[in-house]
């Protein structure tokens, strides 16, 4: 499922940037090294890939008020997974349109745009 094993250096870089973004944390460099090592170990056990970690870290950066914890990353992965599943479900329920139907819809859109420009 995870084609790219999680990169320890990626985790360390993200944790270091969180120390800048979440200024109240004020971790010393040796503390950040320890945190990054622990996060890496936990995330590998949870089968995070580089891609899933990056997405979860981005989500945490946007939504966490304080320095993200492992639980925040797990929650973020669940939220992202639910959003992905919802999007897939919506796409699966789209009707298959013929070329004629697509052309007719395109004409309607052009007409709407033209009416809006008047």
C-alpha atoms as a PDB file:
ATOM      1  CA  UNK A   1       0.000   0.000   0.000  1.00  0.00           C
ATOM      2  CA  UNK A   2       2.789   2.425   0.930  1.00  0.00           C
ATOM      3  CA  UNK A   3       5.172   2.409  -1.998  1.00  0.00           C
ATOM      4  CA  UNK A   4       7.574   4.934  -0.478  1.00  0.00           C
ATOM      5  CA  UNK A   5       8.999   4.187   2.945  1.00  0.00           C
ATOM      6  CA  UNK A   6       8.872   7.161   5.269  1.00  0.00           C
ATOM      7  CA  UNK A   7      12.072   9.213   5.167  1.00  0.00           C
ATOM      8  CA  UNK A   8      13.542   9.993   8.594  1.00  0.00           C
ATOM      9  CA  UNK A   9      15.032  13.266   7.297  1.00  0.00           C
ATOM     10  CA  UNK A  10      11.641  14.407   5.998  1.00  0.00           C
ATOM     11  CA  UNK A  11      10.135  13.922   9.454  1.00  0.00           C
ATOM     12  CA  UNK A  12      13.049  15.790  11.067  1.00  0.00           C
ATOM     13  CA  UNK A  13      12.677  18.731   8.647  1.00  0.00           C
ATOM     14  CA  UNK A  14       8.920  18.997   9.214  1.00  0.00           C
ATOM     15  CA  UNK A  15       9.301  18.804  12.993  1.00  0.00           C
ATOM     16  CA  UNK A  16      11.935  21.554  12.814  1.00  0.00           C
ATOM     17  CA  UNK A  17       9.604  23.790  10.777  1.00  0.00           C
ATOM     18  CA  UNK A  18       6.845  23.233  13.317  1.00  0.00           C
ATOM     19  CA  UNK A  19       9.159  24.616  15.978  1.00  0.00           C
ATOM     20  CA  UNK A  20       9.274  27.821  13.938  1.00  0.00           C
ATOM     21  CA  UNK A  21       5.564  27.901  13.088  1.00  0.00           C
ATOM     22  CA  UNK A  22       4.358  27.011  16.572  1.00  0.00           C
ATOM     23  CA  UNK A  23       6.536  29.458  18.468  1.00  0.00           C
ATOM     24  CA  UNK A  24       5.144  28.619  21.894  1.00  0.00           C
ATOM     25  CA  UNK A  25       6.857  25.213  21.674  1.00  0.00           C
ATOM     26  CA  UNK A  26      10.394  26.666  21.955  1.00  0.00           C
ATOM     27  CA  UNK A  27      12.073  23.265  21.716  1.00  0.00           C
ATOM     28  CA  UNK A  28      15.864  23.153  21.834  1.00  0.00           C
ATOM     29  CA  UNK A  29      17.642  21.404  18.922  1.00  0.00           C
ATOM     30  CA  UNK A  30      18.349  18.258  20.962  1.00  0.00           C
ATOM     31  CA  UNK A  31      14.681  18.098  21.977  1.00  0.00           C
ATOM     32  CA  UNK A  32      13.640  18.396  18.321  1.00  0.00           C
ATOM     33  CA  UNK A  33      15.971  15.521  17.435  1.00  0.00           C
ATOM     34  CA  UNK A  34      14.328  13.340  20.080  1.00  0.00           C
ATOM     35  CA  UNK A  35      10.827  14.342  18.992  1.00  0.00           C
ATOM     36  CA  UNK A  36      11.648  13.679  15.339  1.00  0.00           C
ATOM     37  CA  UNK A  37      13.065  10.223  16.177  1.00  0.00           C
ATOM     38  CA  UNK A  38      10.008   9.293  18.220  1.00  0.00           C
ATOM     39  CA  UNK A  39       7.607  10.620  15.594  1.00  0.00           C
ATOM     40  CA  UNK A  40       9.464   8.679  12.901  1.00  0.00           C
ATOM     41  CA  UNK A  41       9.292   5.429  14.898  1.00  0.00           C
ATOM     42  CA  UNK A  42       5.584   5.852  15.609  1.00  0.00           C
ATOM     43  CA  UNK A  43       4.739   6.848  12.051  1.00  0.00           C
ATOM     44  CA  UNK A  44       6.629   3.895  10.561  1.00  0.00           C
ATOM     45  CA  UNK A  45       4.692   1.558  12.887  1.00  0.00           C
ATOM     46  CA  UNK A  46       1.499   3.194  11.626  1.00  0.00           C
ATOM     47  CA  UNK A  47       2.547   2.624   7.984  1.00  0.00           C
ATOM     48  CA  UNK A  48       2.835   6.283   7.040  1.00  0.00           C
ATOM     49  CA  UNK A  49       4.526   6.840   3.687  1.00  0.00           C
ATOM     50  CA  UNK A  50       6.242  10.048   2.618  1.00  0.00           C
ATOM     51  CA  UNK A  51       3.056  11.061   0.806  1.00  0.00           C
ATOM     52  CA  UNK A  52       0.678  10.297   3.684  1.00  0.00           C
ATOM     53  CA  UNK A  53       2.986  12.029   6.174  1.00  0.00           C
ATOM     54  CA  UNK A  54       3.335  15.108   3.978  1.00  0.00           C
ATOM     55  CA  UNK A  55      -0.437  15.376   3.560  1.00  0.00           C
ATOM     56  CA  UNK A  56      -1.076  14.829   7.274  1.00  0.00           C
ATOM     57  CA  UNK A  57       1.635  17.357   8.212  1.00  0.00           C
ATOM     58  CA  UNK A  58       0.137  19.936   5.864  1.00  0.00           C
ATOM     59  CA  UNK A  59      -3.313  19.335   7.353  1.00  0.00           C
ATOM     60  CA  UNK A  60      -1.910  19.631  10.888  1.00  0.00           C
ATOM     61  CA  UNK A  61      -0.108  22.838   9.973  1.00  0.00           C
ATOM     62  CA  UNK A  62      -3.403  24.334   8.849  1.00  0.00           C
ATOM     63  CA  UNK A  63      -5.601  23.049  11.667  1.00  0.00           C
ATOM     64  CA  UNK A  64      -3.504  22.616  14.827  1.00  0.00           C
ATOM     65  CA  UNK A  65      -3.290  25.525  17.226  1.00  0.00           C
ATOM     66  CA  UNK A  66      -0.272  24.022  19.000  1.00  0.00           C
ATOM     67  CA  UNK A  67       2.736  21.899  18.073  1.00  0.00           C
ATOM     68  CA  UNK A  68       1.238  18.792  16.405  1.00  0.00           C
ATOM     69  CA  UNK A  69       1.291  15.509  18.285  1.00  0.00           C
ATOM     70  CA  UNK A  70       1.250  12.035  16.775  1.00  0.00           C
ATOM     71  CA  UNK A  71      -2.482  11.888  17.502  1.00  0.00           C
ATOM     72  CA  UNK A  72      -2.962  15.017  15.363  1.00  0.00           C
ATOM     73  CA  UNK A  73      -1.217  13.314  12.435  1.00  0.00           C
ATOM     74  CA  UNK A  74      -3.293  10.158  12.860  1.00  0.00           C
ATOM     75  CA  UNK A  75      -6.469  12.235  12.983  1.00  0.00           C
ATOM     76  CA  UNK A  76      -5.348  14.182   9.917  1.00  0.00           C
ATOM     77  CA  UNK A  77      -4.766  10.962   7.978  1.00  0.00           C
ATOM     78  CA  UNK A  78      -8.265   9.780   8.907  1.00  0.00           C
ATOM     79  CA  UNK A  79      -9.809  13.103   7.825  1.00  0.00           C
ATOM     80  CA  UNK A  80      -7.869  13.104   4.563  1.00  0.00           C
ATOM     81  CA  UNK A  81      -8.815   9.478   3.946  1.00  0.00           C
ATOM     82  CA  UNK A  82     -12.482  10.260   4.566  1.00  0.00           C
ATOM     83  CA  UNK A  83     -12.305  13.217   2.167  1.00  0.00           C
ATOM     84  CA  UNK A  84     -10.642  11.013  -0.460  1.00  0.00           C
ATOM     85  CA  UNK A  85     -13.278   8.304  -0.008  1.00  0.00           C
ATOM     86  CA  UNK A  86     -16.052  10.878  -0.289  1.00  0.00           C
ATOM     87  CA  UNK A  87     -14.530  12.288  -3.475  1.00  0.00           C
ATOM     88  CA  UNK A  88     -14.157   8.798  -4.958  1.00  0.00           C
ATOM     89  CA  UNK A  89     -17.787   8.009  -4.118  1.00  0.00           C
ATOM     90  CA  UNK A  90     -18.953  11.207  -5.783  1.00  0.00           C
ATOM     91  CA  UNK A  91     -16.934  10.484  -8.913  1.00  0.00           C
ATOM     92  CA  UNK A  92     -18.193   6.898  -9.089  1.00  0.00           C
ATOM     93  CA  UNK A  93     -21.771   8.170  -9.139  1.00  0.00           C
ATOM     94  CA  UNK A  94     -21.242  10.545 -12.035  1.00  0.00           C
ATOM     95  CA  UNK A  95     -23.257   9.495 -15.057  1.00  0.00           C
ATOM     96  CA  UNK A  96     -21.450   8.433 -18.206  1.00  0.00           C
ATOM     97  CA  UNK A  97     -22.179  11.037 -20.846  1.00  0.00           C
ATOM     98  CA  UNK A  98     -22.163  10.486 -24.564  1.00  0.00           C
ATOM     99  CA  UNK A  99     -20.234  12.809 -26.867  1.00  0.00           C
ATOM    100  CA  UNK A 100     -23.551  14.392 -27.872  1.00  0.00           C
ATOM    101  CA  UNK A 101     -24.555  15.009 -24.262  1.00  0.00           C
ATOM    102  CA  UNK A 102     -21.167  16.558 -23.467  1.00  0.00           C
ATOM    103  CA  UNK A 103     -21.418  18.815 -26.529  1.00  0.00           C
ATOM    104  CA  UNK A 104     -24.948  19.864 -25.547  1.00  0.00           C
ATOM    105  CA  UNK A 105     -23.799  20.629 -21.990  1.00  0.00           C
ATOM    106  CA  UNK A 106     -20.901  22.662 -23.351  1.00  0.00           C
ATOM    107  CA  UNK A 107     -23.322  24.687 -25.485  1.00  0.00           C
ATOM    108  CA  UNK A 108     -25.462  25.361 -22.413  1.00  0.00           C
ATOM    109  CA  UNK A 109     -22.454  26.510 -20.415  1.00  0.00           C
ATOM    110  CA  UNK A 110     -21.381  28.847 -23.222  1.00  0.00           C
ATOM    111  CA  UNK A 111     -24.915  30.274 -23.361  1.00  0.00           C
ATOM    112  CA  UNK A 112     -24.933  30.849 -19.612  1.00  0.00           C
ATOM    113  CA  UNK A 113     -21.573  32.607 -19.795  1.00  0.00           C
ATOM    114  CA  UNK A 114     -22.770  34.725 -22.696  1.00  0.00           C
ATOM    115  CA  UNK A 115     -25.912  35.711 -20.758  1.00  0.00           C
ATOM    116  CA  UNK A 116     -23.829  36.670 -17.751  1.00  0.00           C
ATOM    117  CA  UNK A 117     -21.610  38.936 -19.848  1.00  0.00           C
ATOM    118  CA  UNK A 118     -24.573  40.968 -21.103  1.00  0.00           C
END
